[in-house]
């Protein structure tokens, strides 16, 4: 049996038509960053309080950073979090 060929638009097309594609992509990136940071902290056995101390910020700020549903994040905060976990940030632009 041959696989069916894709018909119609894909999810990206639908989100674009609805005018929410960019917002959805930004939220997905933030969610990925939050999950990655949480995983790194867990692997290194770094508590939120210890991470806050290393970042010279509050525990509440770390909670917001690790909240996958909170879309706001600054590069400064992301840089502090990366350094607190012995990492660097690498940002690249890719074709859309």
C-alpha atoms as a PDB file:
ATOM      1  CA  UNK A   1       0.000   0.000   0.000  1.00  0.00           C
ATOM      2  CA  UNK A   2       1.456   3.389  -0.970  1.00  0.00           C
ATOM      3  CA  UNK A   3       1.332   6.249   1.494  1.00  0.00           C
ATOM      4  CA  UNK A   4      -1.226   8.949   0.834  1.00  0.00           C
ATOM      5  CA  UNK A   5       0.097  12.187  -0.490  1.00  0.00           C
ATOM      6  CA  UNK A   6      -0.449  15.240   1.661  1.00  0.00           C
ATOM      7  CA  UNK A   7      -3.511  17.207   0.657  1.00  0.00           C
ATOM      8  CA  UNK A   8      -4.404  20.719   1.612  1.00  0.00           C
ATOM      9  CA  UNK A   9      -2.510  23.145   3.774  1.00  0.00           C
ATOM     10  CA  UNK A  10      -0.363  22.291   6.741  1.00  0.00           C
ATOM     11  CA  UNK A  11      -0.546  23.642  10.275  1.00  0.00           C
ATOM     12  CA  UNK A  12       1.933  26.444   9.530  1.00  0.00           C
ATOM     13  CA  UNK A  13      -0.284  27.641   6.688  1.00  0.00           C
ATOM     14  CA  UNK A  14      -3.341  27.610   8.947  1.00  0.00           C
ATOM     15  CA  UNK A  15      -1.547  29.509  11.716  1.00  0.00           C
ATOM     16  CA  UNK A  16      -0.258  32.013   9.157  1.00  0.00           C
ATOM     17  CA  UNK A  17      -3.760  32.529   7.762  1.00  0.00           C
ATOM     18  CA  UNK A  18      -5.040  33.095  11.303  1.00  0.00           C
ATOM     19  CA  UNK A  19      -2.241  35.612  11.907  1.00  0.00           C
ATOM     20  CA  UNK A  20      -0.763  33.744  14.876  1.00  0.00           C
ATOM     21  CA  UNK A  21       2.169  31.859  13.333  1.00  0.00           C
ATOM     22  CA  UNK A  22       4.865  34.171  14.705  1.00  0.00           C
ATOM     23  CA  UNK A  23       3.373  34.138  18.217  1.00  0.00           C
ATOM     24  CA  UNK A  24       3.122  30.341  18.204  1.00  0.00           C
ATOM     25  CA  UNK A  25       6.721  29.980  16.997  1.00  0.00           C
ATOM     26  CA  UNK A  26       8.008  32.376  19.673  1.00  0.00           C
ATOM     27  CA  UNK A  27       6.146  30.480  22.387  1.00  0.00           C
ATOM     28  CA  UNK A  28       7.537  27.186  21.080  1.00  0.00           C
ATOM     29  CA  UNK A  29      11.097  28.519  21.200  1.00  0.00           C
ATOM     30  CA  UNK A  30      10.590  29.842  24.741  1.00  0.00           C
ATOM     31  CA  UNK A  31       9.117  26.520  25.824  1.00  0.00           C
ATOM     32  CA  UNK A  32      12.101  24.692  24.345  1.00  0.00           C
ATOM     33  CA  UNK A  33      14.537  27.019  26.131  1.00  0.00           C
ATOM     34  CA  UNK A  34      12.763  26.611  29.467  1.00  0.00           C
ATOM     35  CA  UNK A  35      12.738  22.837  29.157  1.00  0.00           C
ATOM     36  CA  UNK A  36      16.413  22.738  28.137  1.00  0.00           C
ATOM     37  CA  UNK A  37      17.451  24.954  31.066  1.00  0.00           C
ATOM     38  CA  UNK A  38      15.404  22.867  33.506  1.00  0.00           C
ATOM     39  CA  UNK A  39      16.970  19.660  32.170  1.00  0.00           C
ATOM     40  CA  UNK A  40      20.506  21.068  32.437  1.00  0.00           C
ATOM     41  CA  UNK A  41      19.871  22.238  35.986  1.00  0.00           C
ATOM     42  CA  UNK A  42      18.458  18.843  36.921  1.00  0.00           C
ATOM     43  CA  UNK A  43      21.429  17.003  35.344  1.00  0.00           C
ATOM     44  CA  UNK A  44      23.831  19.223  37.284  1.00  0.00           C
ATOM     45  CA  UNK A  45      21.707  18.971  40.437  1.00  0.00           C
ATOM     46  CA  UNK A  46      21.404  22.754  40.623  1.00  0.00           C
ATOM     47  CA  UNK A  47      18.377  23.897  42.595  1.00  0.00           C
ATOM     48  CA  UNK A  48      16.359  26.956  41.618  1.00  0.00           C
ATOM     49  CA  UNK A  49      17.725  28.771  44.658  1.00  0.00           C
ATOM     50  CA  UNK A  50      21.308  27.928  43.689  1.00  0.00           C
ATOM     51  CA  UNK A  51      20.653  28.987  40.112  1.00  0.00           C
ATOM     52  CA  UNK A  52      19.202  32.292  41.322  1.00  0.00           C
ATOM     53  CA  UNK A  53      22.289  32.838  43.463  1.00  0.00           C
ATOM     54  CA  UNK A  54      24.611  32.091  40.538  1.00  0.00           C
ATOM     55  CA  UNK A  55      22.606  34.443  38.316  1.00  0.00           C
ATOM     56  CA  UNK A  56      22.522  37.140  41.016  1.00  0.00           C
ATOM     57  CA  UNK A  57      18.748  37.314  40.768  1.00  0.00           C
ATOM     58  CA  UNK A  58      15.675  36.207  42.690  1.00  0.00           C
ATOM     59  CA  UNK A  59      14.160  32.768  42.892  1.00  0.00           C
ATOM     60  CA  UNK A  60      10.984  34.277  41.396  1.00  0.00           C
ATOM     61  CA  UNK A  61      12.968  35.379  38.325  1.00  0.00           C
ATOM     62  CA  UNK A  62      14.279  31.832  37.895  1.00  0.00           C
ATOM     63  CA  UNK A  63      10.727  30.503  38.247  1.00  0.00           C
ATOM     64  CA  UNK A  64       9.610  32.841  35.440  1.00  0.00           C
ATOM     65  CA  UNK A  65      12.595  31.805  33.310  1.00  0.00           C
ATOM     66  CA  UNK A  66      11.814  28.099  33.734  1.00  0.00           C
ATOM     67  CA  UNK A  67       8.068  28.583  33.222  1.00  0.00           C
ATOM     68  CA  UNK A  68       7.476  27.190  29.727  1.00  0.00           C
ATOM     69  CA  UNK A  69       4.201  29.118  29.526  1.00  0.00           C
ATOM     70  CA  UNK A  70       5.784  32.506  30.283  1.00  0.00           C
ATOM     71  CA  UNK A  71       6.838  33.892  26.883  1.00  0.00           C
ATOM     72  CA  UNK A  72       8.952  36.791  28.150  1.00  0.00           C
ATOM     73  CA  UNK A  73      12.701  36.347  28.359  1.00  0.00           C
ATOM     74  CA  UNK A  74      15.591  38.690  27.739  1.00  0.00           C
ATOM     75  CA  UNK A  75      18.937  37.826  26.221  1.00  0.00           C
ATOM     76  CA  UNK A  76      20.585  39.151  29.378  1.00  0.00           C
ATOM     77  CA  UNK A  77      18.625  36.738  31.562  1.00  0.00           C
ATOM     78  CA  UNK A  78      19.221  33.887  29.142  1.00  0.00           C
ATOM     79  CA  UNK A  79      22.950  34.658  29.183  1.00  0.00           C
ATOM     80  CA  UNK A  80      23.032  34.663  32.984  1.00  0.00           C
ATOM     81  CA  UNK A  81      21.211  31.335  33.075  1.00  0.00           C
ATOM     82  CA  UNK A  82      23.576  29.802  30.545  1.00  0.00           C
ATOM     83  CA  UNK A  83      26.633  30.957  32.505  1.00  0.00           C
ATOM     84  CA  UNK A  84      25.102  29.713  35.754  1.00  0.00           C
ATOM     85  CA  UNK A  85      24.992  26.265  34.156  1.00  0.00           C
ATOM     86  CA  UNK A  86      28.443  26.477  32.562  1.00  0.00           C
ATOM     87  CA  UNK A  87      27.108  27.095  29.064  1.00  0.00           C
ATOM     88  CA  UNK A  88      27.163  29.782  26.396  1.00  0.00           C
ATOM     89  CA  UNK A  89      24.372  30.967  24.147  1.00  0.00           C
ATOM     90  CA  UNK A  90      24.552  30.378  20.429  1.00  0.00           C
ATOM     91  CA  UNK A  91      21.970  32.185  18.331  1.00  0.00           C
ATOM     92  CA  UNK A  92      21.697  31.754  14.616  1.00  0.00           C
ATOM     93  CA  UNK A  93      19.394  33.033  11.945  1.00  0.00           C
ATOM     94  CA  UNK A  94      17.948  30.437   9.585  1.00  0.00           C
ATOM     95  CA  UNK A  95      15.952  30.761   6.411  1.00  0.00           C
ATOM     96  CA  UNK A  96      12.225  30.974   6.959  1.00  0.00           C
END
